[in-house]
Structures are given as structure tokens and as C-alpha cells.
C-alpha atoms as a PDB file:
ATOM      1  CA  UNK A   1     118.154  93.010  99.962  1.00  0.00           C
ATOM      2  CA  UNK A   2     117.714  92.790 103.717  1.00  0.00           C
ATOM      3  CA  UNK A   3     116.545  95.635 105.937  1.00  0.00           C
ATOM      4  CA  UNK A   4     118.524  98.831 105.432  1.00  0.00           C
ATOM      5  CA  UNK A   5     119.470 100.580 108.687  1.00  0.00           C
ATOM      6  CA  UNK A   6     120.210 104.300 108.461  1.00  0.00           C
ATOM      7  CA  UNK A   7     120.675 106.553 111.495  1.00  0.00           C
ATOM      8  CA  UNK A   8     118.110 104.757 113.654  1.00  0.00           C
ATOM      9  CA  UNK A   9     115.664 104.138 110.802  1.00  0.00           C
ATOM     10  CA  UNK A  10     115.002 100.740 109.282  1.00  0.00           C
ATOM     11  CA  UNK A  11     113.757 100.489 105.701  1.00  0.00           C
ATOM     12  CA  UNK A  12     112.053  97.238 104.767  1.00  0.00           C
ATOM     13  CA  UNK A  13     113.071  95.246 101.701  1.00  0.00           C
ATOM     14  CA  UNK A  14     111.219  96.436  98.633  1.00  0.00           C
ATOM     15  CA  UNK A  15     110.965 100.095  99.643  1.00  0.00           C
ATOM     16  CA  UNK A  16     114.250 101.132  98.017  1.00  0.00           C
ATOM     17  CA  UNK A  17     113.427  98.994  94.974  1.00  0.00           C
ATOM     18  CA  UNK A  18     110.063 100.756  94.643  1.00  0.00           C
ATOM     19  CA  UNK A  19     111.753 104.174  94.799  1.00  0.00           C
ATOM     20  CA  UNK A  20     114.185 103.043  92.100  1.00  0.00           C
ATOM     21  CA  UNK A  21     111.401 101.667  89.914  1.00  0.00           C
ATOM     22  CA  UNK A  22     109.392 104.888  90.096  1.00  0.00           C
ATOM     23  CA  UNK A  23     112.440 107.069  89.398  1.00  0.00           C
ATOM     24  CA  UNK A  24     113.546 104.985  86.401  1.00  0.00           C
ATOM     25  CA  UNK A  25     110.047 104.740  84.907  1.00  0.00           C
ATOM     26  CA  UNK A  26     109.751 108.543  84.967  1.00  0.00           C
ATOM     27  CA  UNK A  27     112.719 108.907  82.613  1.00  0.00           C
ATOM     28  CA  UNK A  28     111.671 109.699  79.056  1.00  0.00           C
ATOM     29  CA  UNK A  29     112.411 106.702  76.831  1.00  0.00           C
ATOM     30  CA  UNK A  30     112.064 103.956  79.443  1.00  0.00           C
ATOM     31  CA  UNK A  31     109.353 101.531  78.310  1.00  0.00           C
ATOM     32  CA  UNK A  32     109.354  99.124  81.263  1.00  0.00           C
ATOM     33  CA  UNK A  33     111.379  97.950  84.229  1.00  0.00           C
ATOM     34  CA  UNK A  34     112.008  94.234  84.618  1.00  0.00           C
ATOM     35  CA  UNK A  35     110.550  91.551  82.388  1.00  0.00           C
ATOM     36  CA  UNK A  36     108.290  93.136  79.771  1.00  0.00           C
ATOM     37  CA  UNK A  37     105.606  90.506  80.338  1.00  0.00           C
ATOM     38  CA  UNK A  38     105.310  91.365  84.027  1.00  0.00           C
ATOM     39  CA  UNK A  39     105.355  95.116  83.471  1.00  0.00           C
ATOM     40  CA  UNK A  40     102.835  94.907  80.662  1.00  0.00           C
ATOM     41  CA  UNK A  41     100.488  92.742  82.693  1.00  0.00           C
ATOM     42  CA  UNK A  42     100.686  95.102  85.683  1.00  0.00           C
ATOM     43  CA  UNK A  43      99.966  98.086  83.411  1.00  0.00           C
ATOM     44  CA  UNK A  44      96.843  96.323  82.084  1.00  0.00           C
ATOM     45  CA  UNK A  45      95.598  95.507  85.573  1.00  0.00           C
ATOM     46  CA  UNK A  46      96.424  99.035  86.675  1.00  0.00           C
ATOM     47  CA  UNK A  47      96.972 100.568  90.078  1.00  0.00           C
ATOM     48  CA  UNK A  48      98.985  98.798  92.733  1.00  0.00           C
ATOM     49  CA  UNK A  49     102.669  99.041  93.390  1.00  0.00           C
ATOM     50  CA  UNK A  50     105.116  99.330  90.520  1.00  0.00           C
ATOM     51  CA  UNK A  51     106.944  96.128  89.719  1.00  0.00           C
ATOM     52  CA  UNK A  52     110.338  95.793  91.365  1.00  0.00           C
ATOM     53  CA  UNK A  53     111.286  92.750  89.304  1.00  0.00           C
ATOM     54  CA  UNK A  54     114.439  93.489  87.383  1.00  0.00           C
ATOM     55  CA  UNK A  55     115.885  95.609  90.201  1.00  0.00           C
ATOM     56  CA  UNK A  56     118.620  94.330  92.466  1.00  0.00           C
ATOM     57  CA  UNK A  57     120.080  96.344  95.338  1.00  0.00           C
ATOM     58  CA  UNK A  58     123.068  95.380  97.455  1.00  0.00           C
ATOM     59  CA  UNK A  59     125.145  97.258 100.012  1.00  0.00           C
ATOM     60  CA  UNK A  60     128.906  97.254 100.288  1.00  0.00           C
ATOM     61  CA  UNK A  61     131.182  97.465 103.340  1.00  0.00           C
ATOM     62  CA  UNK A  62     130.791 101.287 103.328  1.00  0.00           C
ATOM     63  CA  UNK A  63     126.963 101.018 103.442  1.00  0.00           C
ATOM     64  CA  UNK A  64     126.761 102.398  99.907  1.00  0.00           C
ATOM     65  CA  UNK A  65     124.186 100.981  97.521  1.00  0.00           C
ATOM     66  CA  UNK A  66     124.933  99.124  94.309  1.00  0.00           C
ATOM     67  CA  UNK A  67     121.909  99.061  92.012  1.00  0.00           C
ATOM     68  CA  UNK A  68     121.233  96.905  88.943  1.00  0.00           C
ATOM     69  CA  UNK A  69     118.239  97.688  86.729  1.00  0.00           C
ATOM     70  CA  UNK A  70     116.972  95.602  83.811  1.00  0.00           C
ATOM     71  CA  UNK A  71     114.713  97.473  81.409  1.00  0.00           C
ATOM     72  CA  UNK A  72     113.190  97.765  77.997  1.00  0.00           C
ATOM     73  CA  UNK A  73     113.468 101.096  76.223  1.00  0.00           C
ATOM     74  CA  UNK A  74     111.465 102.840  73.539  1.00  0.00           C
ATOM     75  CA  UNK A  75     112.992 102.915  70.063  1.00  0.00           C
ATOM     76  CA  UNK A  76     114.664 106.069  68.850  1.00  0.00           C
ATOM     77  CA  UNK A  77     116.664 106.834  72.009  1.00  0.00           C
ATOM     78  CA  UNK A  78     120.419 107.237  72.288  1.00  0.00           C
ATOM     79  CA  UNK A  79     121.115 104.379  74.697  1.00  0.00           C
ATOM     80  CA  UNK A  80     124.149 105.843  76.537  1.00  0.00           C
ATOM     81  CA  UNK A  81     122.241 109.102  77.113  1.00  0.00           C
ATOM     82  CA  UNK A  82     119.163 107.228  78.318  1.00  0.00           C
ATOM     83  CA  UNK A  83     121.266 105.135  80.715  1.00  0.00           C
ATOM     84  CA  UNK A  84     122.914 108.298  82.084  1.00  0.00           C
ATOM     85  CA  UNK A  85     119.481 109.877  82.650  1.00  0.00           C
ATOM     86  CA  UNK A  86     118.255 106.776  84.493  1.00  0.00           C
ATOM     87  CA  UNK A  87     121.398 106.727  86.653  1.00  0.00           C
ATOM     88  CA  UNK A  88     120.939 110.400  87.541  1.00  0.00           C
ATOM     89  CA  UNK A  89     117.239 109.934  88.365  1.00  0.00           C
ATOM     90  CA  UNK A  90     117.910 106.906  90.573  1.00  0.00           C
ATOM     91  CA  UNK A  91     120.797 108.516  92.476  1.00  0.00           C
ATOM     92  CA  UNK A  92     118.763 111.710  93.038  1.00  0.00           C
ATOM     93  CA  UNK A  93     115.673 109.801  94.212  1.00  0.00           C
ATOM     94  CA  UNK A  94     117.620 107.656  96.674  1.00  0.00           C
ATOM     95  CA  UNK A  95     119.588 110.631  98.000  1.00  0.00           C
ATOM     96  CA  UNK A  96     116.429 112.693  98.461  1.00  0.00           C
ATOM     97  CA  UNK A  97     114.110 110.029  99.864  1.00  0.00           C
ATOM     98  CA  UNK A  98     116.491 107.712 101.717  1.00  0.00           C
ATOM     99  CA  UNK A  99     119.664 109.706 102.297  1.00  0.00           C
ATOM    100  CA  UNK A 100     122.048 106.925 101.278  1.00  0.00           C
ATOM    101  CA  UNK A 101     124.985 107.221  98.888  1.00  0.00           C
ATOM    102  CA  UNK A 102     124.782 105.182  95.696  1.00  0.00           C
ATOM    103  CA  UNK A 103     128.134 103.766  94.608  1.00  0.00           C
ATOM    104  CA  UNK A 104     126.977 102.348  91.263  1.00  0.00           C
ATOM    105  CA  UNK A 105     123.912 102.019  89.039  1.00  0.00           C
ATOM    106  CA  UNK A 106     124.291  99.318  86.394  1.00  0.00           C
ATOM    107  CA  UNK A 107     121.822  99.482  83.521  1.00  0.00           C
ATOM    108  CA  UNK A 108     120.929  96.381  81.492  1.00  0.00           C
ATOM    109  CA  UNK A 109     118.852  97.041  78.384  1.00  0.00           C
ATOM    110  CA  UNK A 110     117.016  93.823  77.615  1.00  0.00           C
ATOM    111  CA  UNK A 111     114.931  95.027  74.700  1.00  0.00           C
ATOM    112  CA  UNK A 112     113.643  97.835  72.541  1.00  0.00           C
ATOM    113  CA  UNK A 113     109.936  98.486  72.126  1.00  0.00           C
ATOM    114  CA  UNK A 114     108.795  99.855  68.795  1.00  0.00           C
ATOM    115  CA  UNK A 115     105.690 101.999  68.411  1.00  0.00           C
ATOM    116  CA  UNK A 116     103.459 101.205  65.471  1.00  0.00           C
END
């Protein structure tokens, strides 16, 4: 994603992706965003920015965002409900923090993590 220009404000690449990552990770049932190996490694190291790998953001001709999120989920969740909760969290976070309309949030569930 290139710079996003909104009403005289420019948002650098990575900022919107970070907002999306934080919003999605806060949803109950989401295990990780992006490749599990990257997320797991970052969790072990701790601190720092959340990984934005696995998040793609594009804008359309109406300056609306199209978001794609790849994630692993925790076992025992109803996947359509979990995806709806992630969509809602992402749209709310972007509307609140950036003030841009989100046209679509596509969820790709790459894996299920089981707790032992």
C-alpha cells in the first residue's frame, strides 16, 4: 500500500496494517495474524510492533479500503462467527482511528491451533 491521503493528512504505509493487526488480534479466538512462524517468533522475542505480514490493504477508485487478512485461529470456534467478529473489529478500528470507509474485509483462515 502506498501513502494514504485523507483530508490533508498522509498516513505512511504500515500504519493502517498495524491498526488492522491490533484490532484482529484482540478478537477472541484469533491465534495469530500472518504466517504462524513469524507471529510465534515475534511473540517469543516480545515487545516491538505487531507483525503486519498476512495483511494486504488496497484502495479502490472511491478511496475505500479493501483488506485481506490471513490468520490462524484457536480450535473450538465457529469460523463464520469468528470471521464476522474480525471484520467488525477491523472496520470499527479503521473508522475510529483513520476515518476511512472499508469496502471489504476478506478473511483467510490458514490454520487451526490446538491447545494441549
